[in-house]
């Protein structure tokens, strides 16, 4: 049998021949129509103001392209027809070449990347810096160090001011500094006040964990949990265990010094327990705000005797700054209601710890729980230890700890780094309000 390929008169061959001739004619016609179609579209886009389209104009079956606006087509000087799809105009900067270099303190690098592998290498190239080597950065990464525009600082470290200053002096192109904690007093240095530099922190990542820890401390106090835990003598276990009076949180008044993300989460949980919630922030005149029944300003609450005299729980949750240094003074402690319970989960610099120990000793203050201390680690000879753990519970700055912290921190570092180099808004931006030792930021 002869195949259709060798017989020129085969119907299949004739069909293919005619189809080819027809296709050539169509292509010729389309080439002639392109200039006219381009001119028409140019006129429409130049002289008419159409509503914002969801797709660009397209010709002859081309796939739609998402767009927010379009520009007129122009015929190139070469004489060849312009592209039939209208080009998008945009003000966004070009996408950065990934991965982008990010300078990161070695402790944060070890915690997030070396030990846990939480920073995706296809998005960020980490450049770890050390505080133990005068070279600061490994020689083979010096070029990446110079190109980096983002710096991730460290957790609390007494000499971290010097490290941050050194990094910023050696790389004048850094535009974003991220602090992987809420408090920024160990990160802020004079170099951060240069124009255009953006500072962010990790506020909100530990607020739930800290607020839950505060409720644990309050419940432990009113239910004498700490006493039950140490009541291990078999002979007196039963009788002693029934001798401590238990109280309810419902109906009691809690004062929150600081109403940032942590303070708000604490307030939410206190309201769920039926407590009366009052607090202080930079500005306030006693009105209700969210879960806080009365909000006072930072300038008037310390002398408000009628307010302080009805507080059952006094919780310190404000940021450290020159204005909050020692704000919970001996005078403030003595104005508080007799039998008050004091909790500090902010910074040790806000509280007069010696005055607190004295107030616990003469029973003006029923007890306290301190997760932060003026000196960390706290000196074992400190007078606070005299009452630990029965009257004053001391914990090693761990209220923030939770199973999601490192994951959330890594995600925020990646998100903010990419947002910054792409020209988008970053999260948790801090405005430095004044140039002071320790610095301050938005509550």
Protein backbone atom coordinates (compact mmCIF):
# COMPACT_ATOMS: atom_id res chain seq x y z
CA UNK A 1 0.00 0.00 0.00
CA UNK A 2 1.32 3.42 -0.94
CA UNK A 3 1.62 5.94 1.88
CA UNK A 4 0.15 9.42 1.76
CA UNK A 5 3.63 10.85 2.08
CA UNK A 6 4.74 9.71 -1.40
CA UNK A 7 1.50 10.34 -3.30
CA UNK A 8 1.18 14.04 -4.04
CA UNK A 9 -2.49 13.74 -4.85
CA UNK A 10 -3.35 12.22 -1.49
CA UNK A 11 -6.18 14.20 0.23
CA UNK A 12 -4.18 14.44 3.44
CA UNK A 13 -1.28 16.09 1.63
CA UNK A 14 -3.60 18.54 -0.15
CA UNK A 15 -5.19 19.54 3.14
CA UNK A 16 -1.81 20.19 4.74
CA UNK A 17 -0.71 22.21 1.69
CA UNK A 18 -3.84 24.37 1.72
CA UNK A 19 -3.60 24.86 5.52
CA UNK A 20 -0.02 26.05 5.15
CA UNK A 21 -0.96 28.55 2.42
CA UNK A 22 -3.85 29.86 4.53
CA UNK A 23 -1.62 30.26 7.61
CA UNK A 24 0.92 32.27 5.59
CA UNK A 25 -1.84 34.59 4.36
CA UNK A 26 -3.17 35.10 7.91
CA UNK A 27 0.31 35.91 9.21
CA UNK A 28 0.76 38.50 6.44
CA UNK A 29 -2.56 40.11 7.35
CA UNK A 30 -1.65 40.24 11.06
CA UNK A 31 1.66 41.90 10.30
CA UNK A 32 -0.21 44.62 8.36
CA UNK A 33 -2.75 45.08 11.17
CA UNK A 34 -0.22 45.48 14.02
CA UNK A 35 0.67 49.14 13.31
CA UNK A 36 -3.02 50.11 13.08
CA UNK A 37 -3.90 48.27 16.30
CA UNK A 38 -0.96 49.88 18.07
CA UNK A 39 -2.03 53.37 16.95
CA UNK A 40 -5.60 52.77 18.16
CA UNK A 41 -4.46 51.57 21.58
CA UNK A 42 -2.05 54.51 21.90
CA UNK A 43 -4.89 56.91 21.24
CA UNK A 44 -7.17 55.24 23.80
CA UNK A 45 -4.54 55.14 26.54
CA UNK A 46 -3.38 58.74 25.84
CA UNK A 47 -6.66 60.62 25.34
CA UNK A 48 -9.14 58.57 27.32
CA UNK A 49 -9.12 57.76 31.06
CA UNK A 50 -10.51 54.24 31.40
CA UNK A 51 -11.36 52.74 34.77
CA UNK A 52 -8.57 50.83 36.50
CA UNK A 53 -8.28 47.61 34.49
CA UNK A 54 -7.76 44.19 35.94
CA UNK A 55 -5.82 43.04 32.87
CA UNK A 56 -3.72 44.75 30.23
CA UNK A 57 -4.89 45.20 26.67
CA UNK A 58 -3.93 42.20 24.57
CA UNK A 59 -4.10 41.28 20.88
CA UNK A 60 -5.05 38.17 18.98
CA UNK A 61 -5.48 35.58 21.66
CA UNK A 62 -2.55 36.49 23.89
CA UNK A 63 -2.94 35.54 27.56
CA UNK A 64 -4.09 38.36 29.91
CA UNK A 65 -1.47 39.92 32.15
CA UNK A 66 -2.45 41.34 35.59
CA UNK A 67 -1.83 45.05 35.87
CA UNK A 68 -2.86 48.12 37.80
CA UNK A 69 -2.14 50.63 35.04
CA UNK A 70 -0.73 50.72 31.53
CA UNK A 71 1.34 53.01 29.31
CA UNK A 72 0.94 53.81 25.61
CA UNK A 73 2.56 51.51 23.11
CA UNK A 74 5.25 53.06 21.00
CA UNK A 75 6.69 51.76 17.77
CA UNK A 76 10.45 51.31 18.08
CA UNK A 77 12.70 53.36 15.85
CA UNK A 78 13.74 50.16 14.07
CA UNK A 79 10.36 50.10 12.38
CA UNK A 80 9.39 46.73 13.83
CA UNK A 81 5.96 46.55 15.46
CA UNK A 82 5.89 47.22 19.19
CA UNK A 83 4.84 44.49 21.61
CA UNK A 84 1.14 43.89 21.44
CA UNK A 85 0.83 43.70 25.25
CA UNK A 86 0.86 47.03 27.06
CA UNK A 87 3.69 47.41 29.55
CA UNK A 88 2.93 48.01 33.23
CA UNK A 89 4.22 51.14 34.93
CA UNK A 90 5.24 50.79 38.56
CA UNK A 91 6.94 52.79 41.27
CA UNK A 92 8.17 49.71 43.17
CA UNK A 93 11.93 49.11 43.17
CA UNK A 94 13.22 46.06 41.34
CA UNK A 95 13.19 42.82 43.26
CA UNK A 96 16.49 42.23 45.07
CA UNK A 97 18.83 39.49 44.01
CA UNK A 98 18.34 36.63 46.46
CA UNK A 99 19.78 35.66 48.80
CA UNK A 100 20.55 39.06 50.34
CA UNK A 101 23.47 39.48 52.79
CA UNK A 102 22.50 40.17 56.42
CA UNK A 103 24.98 40.88 59.23
CA UNK A 104 24.00 38.99 62.39
CA UNK A 105 25.46 38.72 65.86
CA UNK A 106 27.11 35.34 66.43
CA UNK A 107 24.87 34.46 69.41
CA UNK A 108 21.71 35.00 67.37
CA UNK A 109 23.30 33.21 64.41
CA UNK A 110 24.08 30.19 66.57
CA UNK A 111 20.64 30.08 68.18
CA UNK A 112 18.57 30.53 65.02
CA UNK A 113 20.69 29.13 62.21
CA UNK A 114 23.55 26.94 63.37
CA UNK A 115 21.57 25.04 66.03
CA UNK A 116 18.07 25.15 64.52
CA UNK A 117 18.40 25.93 60.80
CA UNK A 118 15.51 28.41 60.87
CA UNK A 119 16.90 30.98 58.40
CA UNK A 120 16.32 29.88 54.77
CA UNK A 121 19.60 30.14 52.85
CA UNK A 122 17.78 30.85 49.59
CA UNK A 123 16.55 34.17 51.02
CA UNK A 124 19.31 35.41 53.34
CA UNK A 125 23.06 34.95 53.38
CA UNK A 126 24.07 35.40 57.01
CA UNK A 127 27.30 37.18 57.88
CA UNK A 128 28.02 36.41 61.57
CA UNK A 129 30.10 38.92 63.53
CA UNK A 130 31.89 38.22 66.78
CA UNK A 131 32.62 40.31 69.85
CA UNK A 132 35.69 38.23 70.73
CA UNK A 133 37.77 38.99 67.65
CA UNK A 134 39.15 42.37 66.66
CA UNK A 135 38.62 41.39 63.01
CA UNK A 136 34.84 41.39 63.72
CA UNK A 137 34.06 39.38 60.58
CA UNK A 138 35.71 36.43 58.86
CA UNK A 139 37.98 37.62 56.02
CA UNK A 140 36.22 35.48 53.42
CA UNK A 141 32.94 37.29 54.22
CA UNK A 142 34.30 40.84 54.24
CA UNK A 143 32.81 41.58 50.84
CA UNK A 144 29.36 40.41 51.97
CA UNK A 145 29.76 42.45 55.16
CA UNK A 146 30.39 45.57 53.07
CA UNK A 147 27.37 44.90 50.83
CA UNK A 148 24.91 44.17 53.68
CA UNK A 149 22.19 46.72 54.41
CA UNK A 150 20.63 44.87 57.37
CA UNK A 151 22.13 44.18 60.79
CA UNK A 152 20.57 41.83 63.39
CA UNK A 153 21.86 42.76 66.83
CA UNK A 154 22.06 40.61 69.96
CA UNK A 155 20.03 39.80 73.04
CA UNK A 156 20.88 41.48 76.34
CA UNK A 157 24.61 42.01 76.64
CA UNK A 158 26.26 44.67 78.77
CA UNK A 159 28.88 45.64 76.16
CA UNK A 160 26.60 45.33 73.13
CA UNK A 161 26.56 49.12 72.60
CA UNK A 162 30.19 48.87 71.48
CA UNK A 163 29.47 45.99 69.10
CA UNK A 164 26.57 47.83 67.43
CA UNK A 165 28.59 51.03 67.16
CA UNK A 166 31.52 49.16 65.64
CA UNK A 167 29.35 47.46 63.02
CA UNK A 168 27.63 50.70 62.04
CA UNK A 169 30.92 52.57 61.80
CA UNK A 170 32.50 49.92 59.58
CA UNK A 171 29.47 49.65 57.30
CA UNK A 172 28.00 53.07 56.63
CA UNK A 173 25.45 51.55 54.24
CA UNK A 174 23.42 49.71 56.88
CA UNK A 175 19.87 51.03 56.82
CA UNK A 176 18.01 48.57 59.08
CA UNK A 177 18.98 47.37 62.56
CA UNK A 178 16.78 44.67 64.08
CA UNK A 179 16.86 43.92 67.80
CA UNK A 180 15.73 40.30 68.47
CA UNK A 181 14.04 41.24 71.77
CA UNK A 182 11.61 43.86 73.05
CA UNK A 183 14.01 45.97 75.13
CA UNK A 184 16.44 47.99 73.03
CA UNK A 185 18.54 49.55 75.79
CA UNK A 186 21.50 47.26 75.05
CA UNK A 187 21.35 47.93 71.32
CA UNK A 188 20.96 51.70 70.98
CA UNK A 189 24.17 53.67 70.40
CA UNK A 190 24.99 57.14 69.06
CA UNK A 191 25.50 55.77 65.54
CA UNK A 192 21.84 54.78 65.38
CA UNK A 193 20.75 58.40 65.33
CA UNK A 194 22.11 58.99 61.84
CA UNK A 195 19.43 60.12 59.37
CA UNK A 196 17.44 57.42 57.61
CA UNK A 197 18.44 54.48 59.77
CA UNK A 198 15.50 52.23 60.71
CA UNK A 199 15.35 50.37 64.04
CA UNK A 200 12.97 47.48 64.70
CA UNK A 201 12.46 45.09 67.61
CA UNK A 202 10.63 41.85 68.37
CA UNK A 203 7.70 43.25 70.28
CA UNK A 204 4.68 40.97 70.32
CA UNK A 205 6.62 37.72 69.88
CA UNK A 206 6.70 36.95 73.61
CA UNK A 207 3.70 38.92 74.89
CA UNK A 208 1.44 35.90 75.30
CA UNK A 209 4.11 33.84 77.05
CA UNK A 210 4.94 36.66 79.48
CA UNK A 211 1.29 37.40 80.22
CA UNK A 212 0.65 33.73 80.99
CA UNK A 213 3.66 33.72 83.31
CA UNK A 214 2.28 36.77 85.14
CA UNK A 215 -1.04 35.02 85.70
CA UNK A 216 0.84 31.99 87.01
CA UNK A 217 2.63 34.21 89.55
CA UNK A 218 -0.59 35.86 90.66
CA UNK A 219 -2.38 32.54 91.08
CA UNK A 220 0.60 31.08 92.90
CA UNK A 221 0.39 33.97 95.37
CA UNK A 222 -3.34 33.79 96.14
CA UNK A 223 -3.35 29.96 96.20
CA UNK A 224 -0.02 29.65 98.09
CA UNK A 225 1.33 27.28 95.46
CA UNK A 226 4.94 28.09 96.37
CA UNK A 227 4.22 27.14 99.98
CA UNK A 228 2.62 23.87 98.98
CA UNK A 229 5.64 23.02 96.83
CA UNK A 230 8.02 23.46 99.77
CA UNK A 231 5.72 21.83 102.34
CA UNK A 232 7.32 18.42 102.11
CA UNK A 233 7.67 17.40 105.75
CA UNK A 234 5.40 14.35 106.20
CA UNK A 235 4.55 15.13 109.83
CA UNK A 236 3.20 18.62 109.06
CA UNK A 237 2.22 18.23 105.41
CA UNK A 238 -1.53 17.90 106.04
CA UNK A 239 -1.96 20.46 108.81
CA UNK A 240 0.31 23.11 107.31
CA UNK A 241 -1.21 22.67 103.89
CA UNK A 242 -4.65 23.60 105.22
CA UNK A 243 -3.49 26.59 107.27
CA UNK A 244 -2.76 28.99 104.42
CA UNK A 245 -5.78 31.08 103.42
CA UNK A 246 -6.61 31.04 99.71
CA UNK A 247 -8.06 34.02 97.85
CA UNK A 248 -9.75 34.69 94.52
CA UNK A 249 -8.39 36.96 91.81
CA UNK A 250 -11.93 38.03 90.87
CA UNK A 251 -12.78 41.46 92.20
CA UNK A 252 -9.18 42.41 92.99
CA UNK A 253 -7.40 45.38 91.43
CA UNK A 254 -4.30 45.04 89.26
CA UNK A 255 -2.17 48.03 88.21
CA UNK A 256 -0.16 47.72 84.97
CA UNK A 257 2.80 50.05 84.64
CA UNK A 258 3.14 49.99 80.87
CA UNK A 259 0.41 49.22 78.36
CA UNK A 260 2.38 48.04 75.35
CA UNK A 261 1.85 44.64 73.74
CA UNK A 262 2.77 42.82 76.97
CA UNK A 263 0.64 45.02 79.19
CA UNK A 264 -2.36 44.62 76.91
CA UNK A 265 -2.07 40.83 76.92
CA UNK A 266 -1.86 40.83 80.72
CA UNK A 267 -4.91 43.11 80.92
CA UNK A 268 -6.89 40.78 78.65
CA UNK A 269 -6.22 37.79 80.89
CA UNK A 270 -6.87 39.70 84.11
CA UNK A 271 -10.28 40.78 82.80
CA UNK A 272 -11.02 37.14 81.99
CA UNK A 273 -10.45 36.40 85.71
CA UNK A 274 -12.90 39.14 86.69
CA UNK A 275 -10.30 41.62 87.95
CA UNK A 276 -10.44 45.41 87.93
CA UNK A 277 -7.63 46.63 85.66
CA UNK A 278 -5.99 50.06 85.85
CA UNK A 279 -2.75 51.13 84.24
CA UNK A 280 -0.39 53.86 83.11
CA UNK A 281 1.19 54.80 79.82
CA UNK A 282 2.69 58.00 78.42
CA UNK A 283 -0.64 59.77 78.21
CA UNK A 284 -3.93 59.13 79.96
CA UNK A 285 -6.58 60.84 82.05
CA UNK A 286 -8.29 57.94 83.81
CA UNK A 287 -10.58 56.90 80.97
CA UNK A 288 -11.28 53.35 79.83
CA UNK A 289 -9.25 51.91 76.96
CA UNK A 290 -9.81 48.35 75.73
CA UNK A 291 -9.45 45.90 78.62
CA UNK A 292 -8.10 48.60 80.94
CA UNK A 293 -10.79 50.26 83.05
CA UNK A 294 -8.70 53.35 83.86
CA UNK A 295 -5.65 54.62 81.94
CA UNK A 296 -3.41 57.24 83.57
CA UNK A 297 -0.42 59.18 82.29
CA UNK A 298 3.15 58.37 83.29
CA UNK A 299 3.57 61.83 84.79
CA UNK A 300 0.75 61.66 87.34
CA UNK A 301 0.25 58.09 88.56
CA UNK A 302 3.23 57.98 91.04
CA UNK A 303 1.66 60.65 93.24
CA UNK A 304 -1.94 59.47 92.89
CA UNK A 305 -2.37 58.13 96.42
CA UNK A 306 -6.06 57.33 96.01
CA UNK A 307 -5.17 55.14 93.01
CA UNK A 308 -2.16 53.34 94.50
CA UNK A 309 -3.86 52.69 97.82
CA UNK A 310 -6.39 50.33 96.21
CA UNK A 311 -3.94 48.21 94.19
CA UNK A 312 -3.68 44.50 95.08
CA UNK A 313 -1.22 43.57 92.34
CA UNK A 314 1.36 45.98 90.93
CA UNK A 315 2.91 44.76 87.67
CA UNK A 316 5.90 46.45 86.03
CA UNK A 317 5.75 46.09 82.22
CA UNK A 318 7.21 49.37 80.91
CA UNK A 319 10.33 49.78 78.72
CA UNK A 320 13.65 50.89 80.19
CA UNK A 321 14.73 54.49 79.58
CA UNK A 322 16.09 57.44 81.49
CA UNK A 323 12.51 58.45 82.33
CA UNK A 324 11.62 55.06 83.80
CA UNK A 325 14.90 54.56 85.68
CA UNK A 326 13.94 53.87 89.34
CA UNK A 327 10.35 54.94 88.70
CA UNK A 328 9.07 52.38 91.25
CA UNK A 329 10.86 54.13 94.07
CA UNK A 330 10.79 53.76 97.81
CA UNK A 331 8.12 56.49 97.97
CA UNK A 332 5.92 54.75 95.39
CA UNK A 333 6.22 51.41 97.19
CA UNK A 334 5.13 53.02 100.46
CA UNK A 335 2.10 54.62 98.78
CA UNK A 336 0.88 51.22 97.61
CA UNK A 337 -1.82 49.40 99.53
CA UNK A 338 -0.53 47.39 102.49
CA UNK A 339 -0.38 43.76 101.45
CA UNK A 340 0.26 44.51 97.76
CA UNK A 341 2.03 41.94 95.59
CA UNK A 342 4.65 43.30 93.14
CA UNK A 343 5.69 41.61 89.89
CA UNK A 344 8.48 42.80 87.60
CA UNK A 345 8.79 41.28 84.11
CA UNK A 346 10.16 44.44 82.42
CA UNK A 347 13.65 45.56 83.46
CA UNK A 348 15.37 45.61 86.84
CA UNK A 349 16.34 49.28 86.41
CA UNK A 350 12.73 50.39 86.95
CA UNK A 351 12.53 49.09 90.54
CA UNK A 352 14.29 50.05 93.77
CA UNK A 353 15.11 46.48 94.79
CA UNK A 354 16.59 47.41 98.18
CA UNK A 355 13.46 49.38 99.10
CA UNK A 356 11.35 46.40 98.02
CA UNK A 357 13.30 44.03 100.27
CA UNK A 358 12.78 46.40 103.19
CA UNK A 359 9.03 46.68 102.48
CA UNK A 360 8.71 42.90 102.35
CA UNK A 361 10.67 42.66 105.60
CA UNK A 362 8.26 44.93 107.50
CA UNK A 363 5.27 43.33 105.72
CA UNK A 364 4.05 46.47 103.98
CA UNK A 365 4.45 44.42 100.80
CA UNK A 366 3.03 40.89 101.05
CA UNK A 367 5.46 39.50 98.51
CA UNK A 368 6.98 39.88 95.08
CA UNK A 369 8.03 37.96 92.00
CA UNK A 370 10.99 39.29 90.01
CA UNK A 371 11.93 37.76 86.68
CA UNK A 372 14.32 40.63 85.86
CA UNK A 373 16.99 42.21 88.03
CA UNK A 374 19.10 45.35 88.09
CA UNK A 375 22.19 43.16 87.87
CA UNK A 376 21.94 39.93 85.87
CA UNK A 377 22.79 37.37 87.05
CA UNK A 378 21.62 38.68 90.40
CA UNK A 379 24.22 38.77 93.17
CA UNK A 380 23.65 35.82 95.56
CA UNK A 381 24.39 38.20 98.44
CA UNK A 382 21.55 40.54 97.44
CA UNK A 383 19.05 41.18 100.29
CA UNK A 384 16.25 39.88 98.06
CA UNK A 385 17.57 36.35 98.53
CA UNK A 386 16.79 36.61 102.23
CA UNK A 387 13.09 36.16 101.34
CA UNK A 388 13.45 33.76 98.43
CA UNK A 389 11.33 31.75 97.70
CA UNK A 390 8.75 32.12 100.48
CA UNK A 391 8.10 35.86 100.18
CA UNK A 392 10.02 36.86 97.06
CA UNK A 393 10.19 34.52 94.08
CA UNK A 394 13.27 35.11 91.91
CA UNK A 395 13.44 33.65 88.39
CA UNK A 396 16.32 33.95 85.87
CA UNK A 397 14.76 36.24 83.22
CA UNK A 398 12.80 33.48 81.55
CA UNK A 399 9.19 34.70 81.41
CA UNK A 400 9.61 35.26 77.65
CA UNK A 401 10.58 31.65 76.95
CA UNK A 402 8.18 29.60 74.84
CA UNK A 403 8.26 26.92 72.17
CA UNK A 404 7.46 29.33 69.32
CA UNK A 405 9.89 32.16 70.12
CA UNK A 406 12.82 31.14 67.90
CA UNK A 407 10.55 30.31 64.96
CA UNK A 408 8.75 33.65 65.24
CA UNK A 409 12.04 35.52 65.59
CA UNK A 410 13.53 33.91 62.48
CA UNK A 411 10.37 34.61 60.47
CA UNK A 412 10.38 38.26 61.52
CA UNK A 413 14.07 38.68 60.61
CA UNK A 414 13.48 37.24 57.14
CA UNK A 415 10.28 39.23 56.59
CA UNK A 416 11.74 42.57 57.71
CA UNK A 417 15.02 42.07 55.84
CA UNK A 418 13.25 41.39 52.55
CA UNK A 419 10.73 44.18 53.12
CA UNK A 420 13.49 46.71 53.76
CA UNK A 421 15.58 45.95 50.67
CA UNK A 422 12.39 45.90 48.55
CA UNK A 423 11.33 49.30 49.85
CA UNK A 424 8.28 48.03 51.74
CA UNK A 425 7.17 48.90 55.26
CA UNK A 426 8.86 46.91 58.04
CA UNK A 427 7.18 45.59 61.18
CA UNK A 428 7.79 46.80 64.75
CA UNK A 429 9.53 50.03 63.80
CA UNK A 430 10.91 51.95 66.78
CA UNK A 431 11.17 55.74 66.90
CA UNK A 432 14.11 56.86 69.03
CA UNK A 433 12.63 59.69 71.06
CA UNK A 434 15.74 61.02 72.71
CA UNK A 435 19.48 60.47 72.73
CA UNK A 436 20.10 58.93 76.16
CA UNK A 437 22.20 56.14 77.63
CA UNK A 438 20.11 53.03 77.22
CA UNK A 439 17.77 54.67 74.76
CA UNK A 440 14.03 54.39 74.61
CA UNK A 441 11.37 53.61 72.10
CA UNK A 442 7.65 53.41 71.63
CA UNK A 443 5.86 51.58 74.39
